[in-house]
Amino acid sequence: MKLAWKFLATAATLAGLYSSTSNAAVIAVVGDRFELDIIAAEFQTYGDTVIRYNVGWSLLSDAELDTAFASDVIWEGDIFSGISAGVQTRMVNFVNSNKGLMLTAERPCCEPHNDGVEAVGRALTGDNGLLVGDLGFDIFGHAFSNSPTTILTSPNDIRGQAAQHNGPGRVQPTGGVNSDACFTASGATLDVCTAAAWGPDVLLDEVGRLIIYGDINSQPSLVNNFDGDQFENMRTFLLTGFTGGGGVCETNPNLPGCDNGGGDNGGEVPEPGMLALLGLAGLGLGLIRRRRV
C-alpha cells in the first residue's frame, strides 16, 4: 500500500509542477535598452525560456535571426534603428506561422524604426491607414480604451488601472481610439491611440498575434506596477489573445487558440507530458486495487 500511495504522491507533485510550466514558451527579446532586461527577467518567472539579444536587428547574424524567429514570441525594442526589408519579411512570416510579435514604437526620436513597424503592421492587418509615429511630439495623459480585446481582461481585468505609458508615440489603426485593436488612448482628450493589439480574429491570415506598443521607457512599469498584471495580460495576448474579446471562439471556434482550433491552445489532445502523468497516476491506482483484492 505504501508503494501505491508513493506513486500517487509522485504523480500529484509532478502534475503540480507540470501545470506551472505547461504554458511556458520560448521568447526572444531584441534590443540593447535596459528596459528590455526587466521584460526578459519577467518572462522567466513564468517558466519561459528567454533568448536575450542585447543588440539591434542589424547586428544579428543570420544564425541568430534564424534562432530568434524560431521562438514562440518576439518582444523587440530596437527603437533607434530602422528595420530592414528582410527582417520585416521575417516578422510578417513569423506572425503568419501563428507566433506572437511585440513591436515597440516611439516618440520623435525614432521615425526610421516607426516606419518599419508601420510597414509590418499594415502587411499583417491589411490596414493601410495604420499610422505609427510621425506626430513630431510627445503625448501625455493615458487611459485604457473601451475595446473588447482580451489584452484588457485576460487573465486580469486591468481596465480600472492606470495605463503605464510615459510620453509615447502614436500607434493608430483606422478608426483611431474607437478601433477594437486600440487598447490605450492618450492625449488631453484621449483622442490618439498609442498601443494596439491584433489577434487571429482580425489579422489577414487568421493566425498569430501582434502588439504595437508606443513606448519603451514605461515597459518596466508593466512589470513593477499593479503586481505585473499589465505585463501578464500582454504575455497572455501574445500567446492566446483575441481582439474581439473572449466571445470570439463562439462565432469562430476554428481560430488558433479556440478549443477547436489549431495552434498552441488547440486543446483537443492532451500534451505528452500530461499523458505521462495520467499514466503514472493510473499505475498507482492499479497497485492500490491489487493490494485490496
C-alpha atoms as a PDB file:
ATOM      1  CA  MET A   1       0.000   0.000   0.000  1.00  0.00           C
ATOM      2  CA  LYS A   2       2.801   2.435   0.846  1.00  0.00           C
ATOM      3  CA  LEU A   3       4.297   1.939  -2.617  1.00  0.00           C
ATOM      4  CA  ALA A   4       0.970   2.701  -4.275  1.00  0.00           C
ATOM      5  CA  TRP A   5       0.494   5.871  -2.287  1.00  0.00           C
ATOM      6  CA  LYS A   6       4.043   6.915  -3.169  1.00  0.00           C
ATOM      7  CA  PHE A   7       3.111   6.575  -6.837  1.00  0.00           C
ATOM      8  CA  LEU A   8       0.073   8.789  -6.317  1.00  0.00           C
ATOM      9  CA  ALA A   9       2.041  11.355  -4.334  1.00  0.00           C
ATOM     10  CA  THR A  10       4.695  11.486  -7.020  1.00  0.00           C
ATOM     11  CA  ALA A  11       2.057  11.902  -9.730  1.00  0.00           C
ATOM     12  CA  ALA A  12       0.377  14.708  -7.803  1.00  0.00           C
ATOM     13  CA  THR A  13       3.685  16.501  -7.270  1.00  0.00           C
ATOM     14  CA  LEU A  14       4.658  16.201 -10.922  1.00  0.00           C
ATOM     15  CA  ALA A  15       1.215  17.336 -12.018  1.00  0.00           C
ATOM     16  CA  GLY A  16       1.604  20.473  -9.937  1.00  0.00           C
ATOM     17  CA  LEU A  17       4.990  21.179 -11.437  1.00  0.00           C
ATOM     18  CA  TYR A  18       3.735  20.429 -14.920  1.00  0.00           C
ATOM     19  CA  SER A  19       0.759  22.764 -14.613  1.00  0.00           C
ATOM     20  CA  SER A  20       3.058  25.644 -13.709  1.00  0.00           C
ATOM     21  CA  THR A  21       5.252  25.165 -16.776  1.00  0.00           C
ATOM     22  CA  SER A  22       2.937  23.588 -19.396  1.00  0.00           C
ATOM     23  CA  ASN A  23       2.210  27.047 -20.829  1.00  0.00           C
ATOM     24  CA  ALA A  24       5.877  28.043 -20.880  1.00  0.00           C
ATOM     25  CA  ALA A  25       7.119  29.487 -24.153  1.00  0.00           C
ATOM     26  CA  VAL A  26      10.369  30.325 -25.925  1.00  0.00           C
ATOM     27  CA  ILE A  27      10.828  34.104 -26.007  1.00  0.00           C
ATOM     28  CA  ALA A  28      13.313  36.185 -27.997  1.00  0.00           C
ATOM     29  CA  VAL A  29      13.945  39.700 -26.628  1.00  0.00           C
ATOM     30  CA  VAL A  30      15.771  42.003 -29.081  1.00  0.00           C
ATOM     31  CA  GLY A  31      17.378  45.385 -28.427  1.00  0.00           C
ATOM     32  CA  ASP A  32      20.041  46.937 -26.214  1.00  0.00           C
ATOM     33  CA  ARG A  33      17.775  49.010 -23.947  1.00  0.00           C
ATOM     34  CA  PHE A  34      17.952  48.240 -20.212  1.00  0.00           C
ATOM     35  CA  GLU A  35      14.148  48.202 -20.053  1.00  0.00           C
ATOM     36  CA  LEU A  36      14.215  45.002 -22.078  1.00  0.00           C
ATOM     37  CA  ASP A  37      16.331  43.280 -19.405  1.00  0.00           C
ATOM     38  CA  ILE A  38      13.435  43.744 -16.986  1.00  0.00           C
ATOM     39  CA  ILE A  39      10.998  42.352 -19.544  1.00  0.00           C
ATOM     40  CA  ALA A  40      13.247  39.337 -20.188  1.00  0.00           C
ATOM     41  CA  ALA A  41      13.574  38.595 -16.470  1.00  0.00           C
ATOM     42  CA  GLU A  42       9.807  38.740 -16.014  1.00  0.00           C
ATOM     43  CA  PHE A  43       9.208  36.229 -18.801  1.00  0.00           C
ATOM     44  CA  GLN A  44      11.482  33.845 -16.926  1.00  0.00           C
ATOM     45  CA  THR A  45       9.222  33.975 -13.856  1.00  0.00           C
ATOM     46  CA  TYR A  46       6.577  32.237 -15.985  1.00  0.00           C
ATOM     47  CA  GLY A  47       8.963  29.397 -16.773  1.00  0.00           C
ATOM     48  CA  ASP A  48       9.661  30.758 -20.249  1.00  0.00           C
ATOM     49  CA  THR A  49      12.972  30.134 -21.980  1.00  0.00           C
ATOM     50  CA  VAL A  50      14.348  33.567 -22.851  1.00  0.00           C
ATOM     51  CA  ILE A  51      16.923  34.275 -25.553  1.00  0.00           C
ATOM     52  CA  ARG A  52      18.230  37.782 -24.914  1.00  0.00           C
ATOM     53  CA  TYR A  53      19.858  39.685 -27.796  1.00  0.00           C
ATOM     54  CA  ASN A  54      21.451  42.856 -26.412  1.00  0.00           C
ATOM     55  CA  VAL A  55      21.897  44.348 -29.876  1.00  0.00           C
ATOM     56  CA  GLY A  56      19.658  45.648 -32.624  1.00  0.00           C
ATOM     57  CA  TRP A  57      18.311  43.761 -35.619  1.00  0.00           C
ATOM     58  CA  SER A  58      21.074  44.911 -37.970  1.00  0.00           C
ATOM     59  CA  LEU A  59      23.775  43.351 -35.771  1.00  0.00           C
ATOM     60  CA  LEU A  60      22.241  39.902 -35.547  1.00  0.00           C
ATOM     61  CA  SER A  61      23.869  37.190 -37.643  1.00  0.00           C
ATOM     62  CA  ASP A  62      21.808  35.022 -39.957  1.00  0.00           C
ATOM     63  CA  ALA A  63      22.076  32.192 -37.440  1.00  0.00           C
ATOM     64  CA  GLU A  64      20.876  34.454 -34.616  1.00  0.00           C
ATOM     65  CA  LEU A  65      17.984  35.663 -36.748  1.00  0.00           C
ATOM     66  CA  ASP A  66      17.044  32.062 -37.523  1.00  0.00           C
ATOM     67  CA  THR A  67      17.016  31.266 -33.798  1.00  0.00           C
ATOM     68  CA  ALA A  68      15.033  34.369 -32.871  1.00  0.00           C
ATOM     69  CA  PHE A  69      12.382  33.665 -35.494  1.00  0.00           C
ATOM     70  CA  ALA A  70      12.102  30.043 -34.358  1.00  0.00           C
ATOM     71  CA  SER A  71      10.791  31.196 -30.947  1.00  0.00           C
ATOM     72  CA  ASP A  72       7.147  31.411 -29.881  1.00  0.00           C
ATOM     73  CA  VAL A  73       7.174  35.126 -29.074  1.00  0.00           C
ATOM     74  CA  ILE A  74       9.427  38.030 -30.054  1.00  0.00           C
ATOM     75  CA  TRP A  75       9.478  41.196 -27.941  1.00  0.00           C
ATOM     76  CA  GLU A  76      11.589  43.914 -29.521  1.00  0.00           C
ATOM     77  CA  GLY A  77      12.725  47.425 -28.634  1.00  0.00           C
ATOM     78  CA  ASP A  78      15.425  48.337 -31.157  1.00  0.00           C
ATOM     79  CA  ILE A  79      13.948  51.823 -31.355  1.00  0.00           C
ATOM     80  CA  PHE A  80      16.864  53.857 -32.734  1.00  0.00           C
ATOM     81  CA  SER A  81      17.351  51.851 -35.922  1.00  0.00           C
ATOM     82  CA  GLY A  82      15.293  51.139 -38.969  1.00  0.00           C
ATOM     83  CA  ILE A  83      14.088  47.618 -39.726  1.00  0.00           C
ATOM     84  CA  SER A  84      15.492  46.171 -42.932  1.00  0.00           C
ATOM     85  CA  ALA A  85      13.153  44.823 -45.603  1.00  0.00           C
ATOM     86  CA  GLY A  86      14.489  41.331 -44.928  1.00  0.00           C
ATOM     87  CA  VAL A  87      13.696  41.481 -41.216  1.00  0.00           C
ATOM     88  CA  GLN A  88      10.286  42.980 -41.948  1.00  0.00           C
ATOM     89  CA  THR A  89       9.535  39.984 -44.182  1.00  0.00           C
ATOM     90  CA  ARG A  90      10.685  37.624 -41.436  1.00  0.00           C
ATOM     91  CA  MET A  91       8.393  39.404 -38.961  1.00  0.00           C
ATOM     92  CA  VAL A  92       5.379  39.025 -41.235  1.00  0.00           C
ATOM     93  CA  ASN A  93       6.141  35.347 -41.854  1.00  0.00           C
ATOM     94  CA  PHE A  94       6.679  34.834 -38.118  1.00  0.00           C
ATOM     95  CA  VAL A  95       3.200  36.052 -37.191  1.00  0.00           C
ATOM     96  CA  ASN A  96       1.705  34.167 -40.124  1.00  0.00           C
ATOM     97  CA  SER A  97       3.178  30.963 -38.691  1.00  0.00           C
ATOM     98  CA  ASN A  98       0.956  31.514 -35.621  1.00  0.00           C
ATOM     99  CA  LYS A  99       3.507  33.265 -33.399  1.00  0.00           C
ATOM    100  CA  GLY A 100       3.295  36.372 -31.210  1.00  0.00           C
ATOM    101  CA  LEU A 101       5.161  39.604 -32.074  1.00  0.00           C
ATOM    102  CA  MET A 102       5.503  42.686 -29.833  1.00  0.00           C
ATOM    103  CA  LEU A 103       6.912  45.724 -31.641  1.00  0.00           C
ATOM    104  CA  THR A 104       7.912  48.939 -29.876  1.00  0.00           C
ATOM    105  CA  ALA A 105       7.163  52.306 -31.441  1.00  0.00           C
ATOM    106  CA  GLU A 106       8.476  55.572 -30.004  1.00  0.00           C
ATOM    107  CA  ARG A 107       8.243  59.324 -29.999  1.00  0.00           C
ATOM    108  CA  PRO A 108      10.035  61.715 -32.420  1.00  0.00           C
ATOM    109  CA  CYS A 109      13.464  60.178 -31.845  1.00  0.00           C
ATOM    110  CA  CYS A 110      12.772  57.074 -33.837  1.00  0.00           C
ATOM    111  CA  GLU A 111      10.925  57.574 -37.108  1.00  0.00           C
ATOM    112  CA  PRO A 112      13.022  55.098 -39.175  1.00  0.00           C
ATOM    113  CA  HIS A 113      12.055  52.382 -36.715  1.00  0.00           C
ATOM    114  CA  ASN A 114       8.450  53.552 -36.601  1.00  0.00           C
ATOM    115  CA  ASP A 115       8.283  53.360 -40.393  1.00  0.00           C
ATOM    116  CA  GLY A 116       9.372  49.723 -40.313  1.00  0.00           C
ATOM    117  CA  VAL A 117       6.886  48.899 -37.556  1.00  0.00           C
ATOM    118  CA  GLU A 118       4.145  50.594 -39.563  1.00  0.00           C
ATOM    119  CA  ALA A 119       5.004  48.586 -42.678  1.00  0.00           C
ATOM    120  CA  VAL A 120       4.887  45.286 -40.769  1.00  0.00           C
ATOM    121  CA  GLY A 121       1.625  46.260 -39.104  1.00  0.00           C
ATOM    122  CA  ARG A 122      -0.008  47.206 -42.385  1.00  0.00           C
ATOM    123  CA  ALA A 123       1.135  43.972 -44.067  1.00  0.00           C
ATOM    124  CA  LEU A 124      -0.297  41.801 -41.280  1.00  0.00           C
ATOM    125  CA  THR A 125      -3.547  43.654 -40.644  1.00  0.00           C
ATOM    126  CA  GLY A 126      -4.386  44.916 -44.130  1.00  0.00           C
ATOM    127  CA  ASP A 127      -4.981  48.319 -42.520  1.00  0.00           C
ATOM    128  CA  ASN A 128      -3.257  50.717 -44.896  1.00  0.00           C
ATOM    129  CA  GLY A 129      -4.428  53.602 -42.732  1.00  0.00           C
ATOM    130  CA  LEU A 130      -2.409  52.408 -39.732  1.00  0.00           C
ATOM    131  CA  LEU A 131      -0.155  55.230 -38.513  1.00  0.00           C
ATOM    132  CA  VAL A 132       2.907  54.692 -36.323  1.00  0.00           C
ATOM    133  CA  GLY A 133       4.777  57.777 -35.094  1.00  0.00           C
ATOM    134  CA  ASP A 134       5.107  60.885 -37.266  1.00  0.00           C
ATOM    135  CA  LEU A 135       3.337  63.234 -34.849  1.00  0.00           C
ATOM    136  CA  GLY A 136       6.504  65.145 -34.011  1.00  0.00           C
ATOM    137  CA  PHE A 137       5.785  65.498 -30.304  1.00  0.00           C
ATOM    138  CA  ASP A 138       5.256  63.543 -27.102  1.00  0.00           C
ATOM    139  CA  ILE A 139       1.766  62.679 -25.889  1.00  0.00           C
ATOM    140  CA  PHE A 140       0.739  62.828 -22.236  1.00  0.00           C
ATOM    141  CA  GLY A 141      -2.389  61.656 -20.428  1.00  0.00           C
ATOM    142  CA  HIS A 142      -3.283  57.993 -20.874  1.00  0.00           C
ATOM    143  CA  ALA A 143      -6.160  55.598 -20.219  1.00  0.00           C
ATOM    144  CA  PHE A 144      -7.233  52.197 -21.418  1.00  0.00           C
ATOM    145  CA  SER A 145      -9.820  52.200 -24.182  1.00  0.00           C
ATOM    146  CA  ASN A 146     -13.261  50.588 -24.323  1.00  0.00           C
ATOM    147  CA  SER A 147     -12.088  47.860 -26.687  1.00  0.00           C
ATOM    148  CA  PRO A 148     -13.371  44.309 -26.065  1.00  0.00           C
ATOM    149  CA  THR A 149      -9.818  42.981 -26.605  1.00  0.00           C
ATOM    150  CA  THR A 150      -8.700  40.269 -24.208  1.00  0.00           C
ATOM    151  CA  ILE A 151      -5.477  42.199 -23.576  1.00  0.00           C
ATOM    152  CA  LEU A 152      -7.547  44.292 -21.137  1.00  0.00           C
ATOM    153  CA  THR A 153      -9.360  41.438 -19.413  1.00  0.00           C
ATOM    154  CA  SER A 154      -7.365  38.207 -19.512  1.00  0.00           C
ATOM    155  CA  PRO A 155      -6.211  36.888 -17.164  1.00  0.00           C
ATOM    156  CA  ASN A 156      -6.579  40.175 -15.234  1.00  0.00           C
ATOM    157  CA  ASP A 157      -9.222  42.868 -15.659  1.00  0.00           C
ATOM    158  CA  ILE A 158      -6.942  45.906 -15.902  1.00  0.00           C
ATOM    159  CA  ARG A 159      -9.491  48.375 -17.240  1.00  0.00           C
ATOM    160  CA  GLY A 160      -9.617  50.208 -13.917  1.00  0.00           C
ATOM    161  CA  GLN A 161      -5.825  50.534 -13.678  1.00  0.00           C
ATOM    162  CA  ALA A 162      -3.739  53.463 -14.866  1.00  0.00           C
ATOM    163  CA  ALA A 163      -2.201  52.877 -18.298  1.00  0.00           C
ATOM    164  CA  GLN A 164       1.572  52.837 -17.859  1.00  0.00           C
ATOM    165  CA  HIS A 165       2.609  54.951 -20.848  1.00  0.00           C
ATOM    166  CA  ASN A 166       5.140  57.784 -20.482  1.00  0.00           C
ATOM    167  CA  GLY A 167       5.037  60.301 -23.335  1.00  0.00           C
ATOM    168  CA  PRO A 168       4.582  57.664 -26.043  1.00  0.00           C
ATOM    169  CA  GLY A 169       4.333  57.828 -29.801  1.00  0.00           C
ATOM    170  CA  ARG A 170       1.241  57.269 -31.931  1.00  0.00           C
ATOM    171  CA  VAL A 171       0.041  53.761 -32.845  1.00  0.00           C
ATOM    172  CA  GLN A 172      -3.264  54.476 -34.538  1.00  0.00           C
ATOM    173  CA  PRO A 173      -5.303  51.984 -36.570  1.00  0.00           C
ATOM    174  CA  THR A 174      -8.023  53.145 -38.915  1.00  0.00           C
ATOM    175  CA  GLY A 175     -10.862  54.059 -36.606  1.00  0.00           C
ATOM    176  CA  GLY A 176      -8.483  55.589 -34.078  1.00  0.00           C
ATOM    177  CA  VAL A 177      -9.275  55.097 -30.404  1.00  0.00           C
ATOM    178  CA  ASN A 178     -12.629  53.544 -31.372  1.00  0.00           C
ATOM    179  CA  SER A 179     -10.941  50.682 -33.216  1.00  0.00           C
ATOM    180  CA  ASP A 180     -11.183  47.333 -31.402  1.00  0.00           C
ATOM    181  CA  ALA A 181      -7.422  46.967 -31.903  1.00  0.00           C
ATOM    182  CA  CYS A 182      -6.645  50.141 -29.912  1.00  0.00           C
ATOM    183  CA  PHE A 183      -6.263  49.429 -26.206  1.00  0.00           C
ATOM    184  CA  THR A 184      -4.608  52.645 -24.946  1.00  0.00           C
ATOM    185  CA  ALA A 185      -5.830  56.176 -25.660  1.00  0.00           C
ATOM    186  CA  SER A 186      -3.645  59.201 -24.971  1.00  0.00           C
ATOM    187  CA  GLY A 187      -3.653  62.978 -25.096  1.00  0.00           C
ATOM    188  CA  ALA A 188      -5.525  65.718 -23.286  1.00  0.00           C
ATOM    189  CA  THR A 189      -8.810  64.472 -24.717  1.00  0.00           C
ATOM    190  CA  LEU A 190      -7.712  60.831 -25.123  1.00  0.00           C
ATOM    191  CA  ASP A 191      -8.063  61.072 -28.893  1.00  0.00           C
ATOM    192  CA  VAL A 192      -4.792  59.442 -30.001  1.00  0.00           C
ATOM    193  CA  CYS A 193      -4.211  55.685 -29.891  1.00  0.00           C
ATOM    194  CA  THR A 194      -0.771  54.752 -28.542  1.00  0.00           C
ATOM    195  CA  ALA A 195      -0.990  50.956 -28.234  1.00  0.00           C
ATOM    196  CA  ALA A 196      -2.854  48.377 -30.300  1.00  0.00           C
ATOM    197  CA  ALA A 197      -3.192  44.612 -30.449  1.00  0.00           C
ATOM    198  CA  TRP A 198      -4.437  42.307 -33.200  1.00  0.00           C
ATOM    199  CA  GLY A 199      -5.369  38.647 -32.760  1.00  0.00           C
ATOM    200  CA  PRO A 200      -6.136  35.954 -35.342  1.00  0.00           C
ATOM    201  CA  ASP A 201      -9.765  37.091 -35.449  1.00  0.00           C
ATOM    202  CA  VAL A 202      -8.710  40.303 -37.256  1.00  0.00           C
ATOM    203  CA  LEU A 203      -5.328  39.553 -38.863  1.00  0.00           C
ATOM    204  CA  LEU A 204      -5.351  38.872 -42.604  1.00  0.00           C
ATOM    205  CA  ASP A 205      -4.189  35.240 -42.382  1.00  0.00           C
ATOM    206  CA  GLU A 206      -6.298  34.497 -39.264  1.00  0.00           C
ATOM    207  CA  VAL A 207      -3.276  33.265 -37.327  1.00  0.00           C
ATOM    208  CA  GLY A 208      -0.797  34.758 -34.882  1.00  0.00           C
ATOM    209  CA  ARG A 209      -0.815  37.842 -32.673  1.00  0.00           C
ATOM    210  CA  LEU A 210       0.644  41.338 -32.991  1.00  0.00           C
ATOM    211  CA  ILE A 211       1.067  44.112 -30.438  1.00  0.00           C
ATOM    212  CA  ILE A 212       2.466  47.543 -31.266  1.00  0.00           C
ATOM    213  CA  TYR A 213       3.228  49.432 -28.072  1.00  0.00           C
ATOM    214  CA  GLY A 214       4.092  53.115 -28.360  1.00  0.00           C
ATOM    215  CA  ASP A 215       6.677  53.481 -25.597  1.00  0.00           C
ATOM    216  CA  ILE A 216       9.928  51.868 -24.434  1.00  0.00           C
ATOM    217  CA  ASN A 217      10.505  53.871 -21.242  1.00  0.00           C
ATOM    218  CA  SER A 218       7.370  52.698 -19.489  1.00  0.00           C
ATOM    219  CA  GLN A 219       7.786  48.993 -20.193  1.00  0.00           C
ATOM    220  CA  PRO A 220       9.345  48.236 -16.770  1.00  0.00           C
ATOM    221  CA  SER A 221       6.186  49.719 -15.233  1.00  0.00           C
ATOM    222  CA  LEU A 222       4.205  46.934 -16.881  1.00  0.00           C
ATOM    223  CA  VAL A 223       6.147  44.590 -14.614  1.00  0.00           C
ATOM    224  CA  ASN A 224       6.652  46.701 -11.488  1.00  0.00           C
ATOM    225  CA  ASN A 225       3.208  48.247 -11.023  1.00  0.00           C
ATOM    226  CA  PHE A 226      -0.153  46.620 -10.267  1.00  0.00           C
ATOM    227  CA  ASP A 227       1.568  43.323  -9.409  1.00  0.00           C
ATOM    228  CA  GLY A 228       2.644  42.928 -13.026  1.00  0.00           C
ATOM    229  CA  ASP A 229      -0.955  42.478 -14.202  1.00  0.00           C
ATOM    230  CA  GLN A 230      -0.440  44.502 -17.382  1.00  0.00           C
ATOM    231  CA  PHE A 231       2.649  42.573 -18.432  1.00  0.00           C
ATOM    232  CA  GLU A 232       0.865  39.280 -17.734  1.00  0.00           C
ATOM    233  CA  ASN A 233      -2.026  40.330 -19.954  1.00  0.00           C
ATOM    234  CA  MET A 234       0.338  41.276 -22.768  1.00  0.00           C
ATOM    235  CA  ARG A 235       2.179  37.961 -22.464  1.00  0.00           C
ATOM    236  CA  THR A 236      -1.131  36.087 -22.485  1.00  0.00           C
ATOM    237  CA  PHE A 237      -2.369  38.008 -25.521  1.00  0.00           C
ATOM    238  CA  LEU A 238       0.790  37.200 -27.477  1.00  0.00           C
ATOM    239  CA  LEU A 239       0.108  33.505 -26.883  1.00  0.00           C
ATOM    240  CA  THR A 240      -3.692  33.211 -26.917  1.00  0.00           C
ATOM    241  CA  GLY A 241      -5.394  36.620 -27.227  1.00  0.00           C
ATOM    242  CA  PHE A 242      -8.237  37.924 -29.391  1.00  0.00           C
ATOM    243  CA  THR A 243      -9.017  41.476 -30.449  1.00  0.00           C
ATOM    244  CA  GLY A 244     -12.765  40.939 -30.378  1.00  0.00           C
ATOM    245  CA  GLY A 245     -12.833  39.579 -26.827  1.00  0.00           C
ATOM    246  CA  GLY A 246     -13.384  36.199 -25.239  1.00  0.00           C
ATOM    247  CA  GLY A 247     -16.592  35.547 -27.178  1.00  0.00           C
ATOM    248  CA  VAL A 248     -14.750  35.276 -30.494  1.00  0.00           C
ATOM    249  CA  CYS A 249     -14.485  31.498 -30.220  1.00  0.00           C
ATOM    250  CA  GLU A 250     -18.267  31.156 -30.015  1.00  0.00           C
ATOM    251  CA  THR A 251     -18.620  32.517 -33.537  1.00  0.00           C
ATOM    252  CA  ASN A 252     -15.349  31.196 -34.979  1.00  0.00           C
ATOM    253  CA  PRO A 253     -14.252  28.124 -32.981  1.00  0.00           C
ATOM    254  CA  ASN A 254     -11.614  27.133 -35.539  1.00  0.00           C
ATOM    255  CA  LEU A 255      -9.332  30.086 -34.820  1.00  0.00           C
ATOM    256  CA  PRO A 256      -5.924  29.246 -33.282  1.00  0.00           C
ATOM    257  CA  GLY A 257      -6.382  29.427 -29.530  1.00  0.00           C
ATOM    258  CA  CYS A 258     -10.013  28.242 -29.557  1.00  0.00           C
ATOM    259  CA  ASP A 259     -10.954  24.742 -28.382  1.00  0.00           C
ATOM    260  CA  ASN A 260     -11.487  23.503 -31.933  1.00  0.00           C
ATOM    261  CA  GLY A 261      -8.666  25.498 -33.484  1.00  0.00           C
ATOM    262  CA  GLY A 262      -5.052  24.684 -34.156  1.00  0.00           C
ATOM    263  CA  GLY A 263      -2.013  26.356 -32.654  1.00  0.00           C
ATOM    264  CA  ASP A 264      -0.661  26.414 -29.153  1.00  0.00           C
ATOM    265  CA  ASN A 265      -4.017  26.055 -27.417  1.00  0.00           C
ATOM    266  CA  GLY A 266      -5.994  23.869 -29.775  1.00  0.00           C
ATOM    267  CA  GLY A 267      -6.948  21.827 -26.735  1.00  0.00           C
ATOM    268  CA  GLU A 268      -8.186  18.697 -28.473  1.00  0.00           C
ATOM    269  CA  VAL A 269      -5.325  16.398 -27.495  1.00  0.00           C
ATOM    270  CA  PRO A 270      -3.578  16.324 -24.087  1.00  0.00           C
ATOM    271  CA  GLU A 271       0.102  17.209 -24.222  1.00  0.00           C
ATOM    272  CA  PRO A 272       2.559  14.257 -23.997  1.00  0.00           C
ATOM    273  CA  GLY A 273       3.792  15.303 -20.566  1.00  0.00           C
ATOM    274  CA  MET A 274       0.282  15.293 -19.153  1.00  0.00           C
ATOM    275  CA  LEU A 275      -0.441  11.906 -20.715  1.00  0.00           C
ATOM    276  CA  ALA A 276       2.616  10.522 -18.932  1.00  0.00           C
ATOM    277  CA  LEU A 277       1.406  11.921 -15.622  1.00  0.00           C
ATOM    278  CA  LEU A 278      -2.047  10.432 -16.121  1.00  0.00           C
ATOM    279  CA  GLY A 279      -0.431   7.083 -16.849  1.00  0.00           C
ATOM    280  CA  LEU A 280       1.621   7.294 -13.665  1.00  0.00           C
ATOM    281  CA  ALA A 281      -1.480   8.097 -11.628  1.00  0.00           C
ATOM    282  CA  GLY A 282      -3.327   5.184 -13.223  1.00  0.00           C
ATOM    283  CA  LEU A 283      -0.487   2.822 -12.308  1.00  0.00           C
ATOM    284  CA  GLY A 284      -0.711   3.952  -8.710  1.00  0.00           C
ATOM    285  CA  LEU A 285      -4.463   3.339  -8.602  1.00  0.00           C
ATOM    286  CA  GLY A 286      -3.904  -0.074 -10.118  1.00  0.00           C
ATOM    287  CA  LEU A 287      -1.464  -1.003  -7.359  1.00  0.00           C
ATOM    288  CA  ILE A 288      -3.940   0.112  -4.688  1.00  0.00           C
ATOM    289  CA  ARG A 289      -6.627  -2.042  -6.254  1.00  0.00           C
ATOM    290  CA  ARG A 290      -4.327  -5.067  -6.391  1.00  0.00           C
ATOM    291  CA  ARG A 291      -3.451  -4.657  -2.720  1.00  0.00           C
ATOM    292  CA  ARG A 292      -7.156  -4.641  -1.766  1.00  0.00           C
ATOM    293  CA  VAL A 293      -8.011  -7.818  -3.732  1.00  0.00           C
END
